[in-house]
């Protein structure tokens, strides 16, 4: 199914919101593109347009660099090329992380509202743990989250449900009483596989795909909109026209 119209609430009370980072809370593609292109330059390779790199985001920095090196969503660089490229990316991103990042509209309002509702909040991302912690601190968002779970914190990352199930366990919340809020197919697949509702924002990074094709419960304009839906039934459409 696609996102439903006339959203009338979730079947069970919501105790927690698990929220993606890149493309959901923050627009970070300029940081990622700068670091990726700096790594490519170190190898004597041409830069990729930021519009193209935005389609490479979502499955972690390793996949991002494989895609940047090959120019393909399914590309896999040779080990001899990939190893220095990912090392260079980490070096450059360590100093760039958060430099160009910008909050999406409604993020602070949504997080404040969810916190006032008593929801437990976790940031569940495919970005490496150290970069995630640093970025949330630098942008003033860390204070909202009881848990930050990076992409290298567990053996598997989204779209595998493991991070979502682990987050619920850490928060002490039944899985069906948590909601996944993200921007991509990785978030939708992970949420569905975990057995929890899924809200998707339309403005992030979904590897070039239309979010309206995803199996989700609602497409929300912002985190503020998501918080409104979590408060209770709504008769308004959740799919942008």
Protein backbone atom coordinates (compact mmCIF):
# COMPACT_ATOMS: atom_id res chain seq x y z
CA UNK A 1 0.00 0.00 0.00
CA UNK A 2 0.99 3.63 -0.34
CA UNK A 3 0.55 6.30 2.32
CA UNK A 4 -3.07 6.46 3.37
CA UNK A 5 -5.36 9.42 3.00
CA UNK A 6 -7.63 10.48 5.82
CA UNK A 7 -5.21 9.23 8.47
CA UNK A 8 -7.24 8.48 11.60
CA UNK A 9 -4.62 7.51 14.10
CA UNK A 10 -2.50 4.51 14.97
CA UNK A 11 -3.94 1.25 16.29
CA UNK A 12 -2.01 1.41 19.57
CA UNK A 13 -0.79 4.23 21.83
CA UNK A 14 2.63 5.55 20.87
CA UNK A 15 5.34 5.55 23.53
CA UNK A 16 8.41 6.29 21.43
CA UNK A 17 9.56 7.84 18.18
CA UNK A 18 12.64 6.51 16.39
CA UNK A 19 13.89 9.26 14.09
CA UNK A 20 16.38 9.13 11.22
CA UNK A 21 19.12 11.77 11.00
CA UNK A 22 20.33 12.65 7.48
CA UNK A 23 17.43 13.84 5.33
CA UNK A 24 14.94 13.79 8.21
CA UNK A 25 16.32 16.02 10.95
CA UNK A 26 19.09 17.75 9.03
CA UNK A 27 19.96 18.54 5.44
CA UNK A 28 23.53 17.23 5.42
CA UNK A 29 24.13 16.57 1.74
CA UNK A 30 26.45 19.58 1.38
CA UNK A 31 28.71 18.19 4.13
CA UNK A 32 28.64 14.70 2.63
CA UNK A 33 29.30 15.96 -0.89
CA UNK A 34 32.20 18.14 0.26
CA UNK A 35 33.86 15.23 2.04
CA UNK A 36 33.19 12.75 -0.77
CA UNK A 37 34.54 15.12 -3.42
CA UNK A 38 37.60 15.89 -1.30
CA UNK A 39 38.25 12.15 -1.09
CA UNK A 40 37.83 11.80 -4.86
CA UNK A 41 40.24 14.69 -5.39
CA UNK A 42 42.82 12.96 -3.18
CA UNK A 43 42.67 10.05 -5.62
CA UNK A 44 42.91 12.32 -8.66
CA UNK A 45 39.28 11.74 -9.62
CA UNK A 46 36.69 14.26 -10.80
CA UNK A 47 34.08 15.64 -8.40
CA UNK A 48 30.47 14.46 -8.50
CA UNK A 49 27.63 17.03 -8.62
CA UNK A 50 25.89 17.52 -5.29
CA UNK A 51 22.57 16.64 -6.93
CA UNK A 52 23.98 13.23 -7.86
CA UNK A 53 25.58 12.65 -4.46
CA UNK A 54 22.22 13.34 -2.81
CA UNK A 55 20.93 10.16 -4.51
CA UNK A 56 23.84 8.19 -3.03
CA UNK A 57 22.86 8.94 0.59
CA UNK A 58 20.96 6.52 2.81
CA UNK A 59 22.82 3.27 3.32
CA UNK A 60 25.86 4.56 5.20
CA UNK A 61 29.16 6.17 4.25
CA UNK A 62 30.69 2.98 2.86
CA UNK A 63 27.92 2.63 0.27
CA UNK A 64 28.08 6.37 -0.38
CA UNK A 65 31.75 6.13 -1.29
CA UNK A 66 31.29 3.02 -3.42
CA UNK A 67 28.65 4.95 -5.35
CA UNK A 68 30.77 8.11 -5.58
CA UNK A 69 33.75 6.15 -6.88
CA UNK A 70 31.76 4.23 -9.48
CA UNK A 71 29.05 6.73 -10.35
CA UNK A 72 26.42 4.05 -9.86
CA UNK A 73 23.87 3.23 -7.16
CA UNK A 74 24.84 -0.44 -7.44
CA UNK A 75 28.55 0.12 -8.01
CA UNK A 76 31.32 -1.54 -6.01
CA UNK A 77 34.78 -0.04 -6.20
CA UNK A 78 37.88 -2.20 -6.27
CA UNK A 79 39.31 -2.81 -2.77
CA UNK A 80 42.57 -1.11 -3.67
CA UNK A 81 40.70 2.04 -4.60
CA UNK A 82 38.03 1.89 -1.92
CA UNK A 83 40.32 1.56 1.10
CA UNK A 84 42.16 4.87 0.63
CA UNK A 85 38.94 6.57 -0.49
CA UNK A 86 36.99 5.70 2.66
CA UNK A 87 39.96 6.64 4.84
CA UNK A 88 40.15 9.99 3.09
CA UNK A 89 36.40 10.51 3.42
CA UNK A 90 36.54 9.93 7.17
CA UNK A 91 39.42 12.39 7.47
CA UNK A 92 37.64 15.14 5.56
CA UNK A 93 34.20 14.51 7.02
CA UNK A 94 35.61 14.67 10.53
CA UNK A 95 36.42 18.34 10.03
CA UNK A 96 33.43 19.20 7.79
CA UNK A 97 30.68 17.37 9.73
CA UNK A 98 27.98 19.92 10.57
CA UNK A 99 29.70 22.82 8.81
CA UNK A 100 27.01 23.21 6.14
CA UNK A 101 24.21 21.17 7.77
CA UNK A 102 20.83 22.87 8.16
CA UNK A 103 17.75 22.00 10.18
CA UNK A 104 14.66 21.21 8.19
CA UNK A 105 11.57 23.33 8.94
CA UNK A 106 9.47 22.00 11.80
CA UNK A 107 12.20 19.86 13.37
CA UNK A 108 12.56 21.76 16.65
CA UNK A 109 8.80 22.27 16.92
CA UNK A 110 8.21 18.57 16.34
CA UNK A 111 10.84 17.39 18.79
CA UNK A 112 9.60 19.80 21.46
CA UNK A 113 6.02 18.63 20.95
CA UNK A 114 6.96 14.95 21.12
CA UNK A 115 8.95 15.53 24.27
CA UNK A 116 6.03 17.41 25.83
CA UNK A 117 3.81 14.44 24.95
CA UNK A 118 6.10 12.22 27.02
CA UNK A 119 7.42 10.23 24.07
CA UNK A 120 10.82 8.57 24.38
CA UNK A 121 12.99 9.72 21.49
CA UNK A 122 15.83 7.87 19.78
CA UNK A 123 17.86 8.88 16.75
CA UNK A 124 18.43 5.75 14.67
CA UNK A 125 20.72 6.41 11.72
CA UNK A 126 23.06 4.68 9.28
CA UNK A 127 25.66 7.41 9.86
CA UNK A 128 28.62 6.13 11.95
CA UNK A 129 28.17 6.59 15.69
CA UNK A 130 30.98 9.10 16.22
CA UNK A 131 29.82 11.33 13.36
CA UNK A 132 26.20 11.10 14.56
CA UNK A 133 27.07 12.09 18.12
CA UNK A 134 29.21 14.99 16.94
CA UNK A 135 26.60 16.27 14.49
CA UNK A 136 23.76 16.19 17.00
CA UNK A 137 25.89 18.01 19.57
CA UNK A 138 27.02 20.67 17.10
CA UNK A 139 23.46 21.37 15.95
CA UNK A 140 21.92 21.40 19.43
CA UNK A 141 19.74 18.33 18.84
CA UNK A 142 21.48 15.87 21.18
CA UNK A 143 19.45 17.03 24.18
CA UNK A 144 16.24 15.67 22.70
CA UNK A 145 17.35 12.04 22.43
CA UNK A 146 17.50 9.41 25.14
CA UNK A 147 19.41 7.20 22.69
CA UNK A 148 21.52 7.75 19.58
CA UNK A 149 22.18 4.58 17.58
CA UNK A 150 24.71 4.90 14.77
CA UNK A 151 25.08 2.68 11.75
CA UNK A 152 28.18 0.93 13.07
CA UNK A 153 26.80 0.30 16.57
CA UNK A 154 25.32 -3.09 15.62
CA UNK A 155 26.17 -5.86 13.14
CA UNK A 156 23.40 -4.73 10.76
CA UNK A 157 21.98 -1.35 9.82
CA UNK A 158 18.74 -0.18 8.20
CA UNK A 159 16.93 -1.48 6.12
CA UNK A 160 17.47 -4.41 8.48
CA UNK A 161 15.12 -4.07 11.48
CA UNK A 162 17.87 -4.84 14.02
CA UNK A 163 18.58 -1.18 14.96
CA UNK A 164 14.89 -0.44 15.51
CA UNK A 165 14.33 -3.54 17.61
CA UNK A 166 17.46 -2.77 19.64
CA UNK A 167 16.34 0.83 20.18
CA UNK A 168 12.95 -0.30 21.48
CA UNK A 169 14.65 -2.72 23.86
CA UNK A 170 16.98 0.00 25.14
CA UNK A 171 14.07 2.40 25.60
CA UNK A 172 11.90 -0.24 27.29
CA UNK A 173 9.08 0.22 24.79
CA UNK A 174 7.05 -2.51 23.01
CA UNK A 175 7.91 -2.48 19.32
CA UNK A 176 4.33 -1.87 18.08
CA UNK A 177 4.13 1.18 20.35
CA UNK A 178 7.06 2.92 18.65
CA UNK A 179 6.90 4.78 15.34
CA UNK A 180 9.71 5.08 12.79
CA UNK A 181 10.07 8.53 11.24
CA UNK A 182 12.43 8.81 8.29
CA UNK A 183 12.88 9.90 4.71
CA UNK A 184 13.82 6.83 2.70
CA UNK A 185 13.13 3.30 1.60
CA UNK A 186 15.64 2.13 4.23
CA UNK A 187 13.48 3.60 7.00
CA UNK A 188 10.27 2.23 5.51
CA UNK A 189 11.64 -1.29 5.08
CA UNK A 190 13.21 -1.35 8.53
CA UNK A 191 10.02 -0.12 10.19
CA UNK A 192 7.81 -2.60 8.40
CA UNK A 193 10.19 -5.50 9.10
CA UNK A 194 10.29 -4.53 12.77
CA UNK A 195 6.49 -4.41 12.95
CA UNK A 196 5.96 -0.73 13.80
CA UNK A 197 4.16 2.17 12.09
CA UNK A 198 6.17 4.31 9.68
CA UNK A 199 5.95 8.03 8.90
CA UNK A 200 8.01 9.42 6.00
CA UNK A 201 8.97 13.01 5.18
CA UNK A 202 9.04 13.89 1.45
CA UNK A 203 12.01 16.27 1.46
CA UNK A 204 15.00 14.04 2.28
CA UNK A 205 17.16 11.52 0.45
CA UNK A 206 15.46 8.47 -1.02
CA UNK A 207 18.04 7.41 -3.60
CA UNK A 208 16.12 9.20 -6.34
CA UNK A 209 12.78 7.45 -5.71
CA UNK A 210 9.37 8.98 -5.03
CA UNK A 211 8.39 8.44 -1.38
CA UNK A 212 4.76 8.01 -2.46
CA UNK A 213 5.72 4.56 -3.72
CA UNK A 214 6.72 3.40 -0.23
CA UNK A 215 4.71 1.19 2.12
CA UNK A 216 4.14 3.63 4.97
CA UNK A 217 1.35 4.80 7.24
CA UNK A 218 1.69 8.51 6.50
CA UNK A 219 3.72 10.99 4.51
CA UNK A 220 4.20 13.96 6.82
CA UNK A 221 5.23 17.44 5.74
CA UNK A 222 7.55 17.86 8.74
CA UNK A 223 8.32 16.54 12.21
CA UNK A 224 5.84 19.11 13.49
CA UNK A 225 3.18 17.47 11.31
CA UNK A 226 4.24 14.06 12.61
CA UNK A 227 3.77 15.23 16.19
CA UNK A 228 0.26 16.43 15.37
CA UNK A 229 -0.67 12.98 14.03
CA UNK A 230 0.80 11.30 17.10
CA UNK A 231 -1.37 13.42 19.38
CA UNK A 232 -4.49 11.73 18.10
CA UNK A 233 -6.85 11.20 15.15
CA UNK A 234 -6.69 13.58 12.24
CA UNK A 235 -9.13 13.95 9.38
CA UNK A 236 -6.68 15.77 7.16
CA UNK A 237 -4.90 14.18 4.25
CA UNK A 238 -1.34 13.02 4.92
CA UNK A 239 -0.31 12.85 1.28
CA UNK A 240 0.80 16.10 -0.40
CA UNK A 241 -1.20 16.93 -3.51
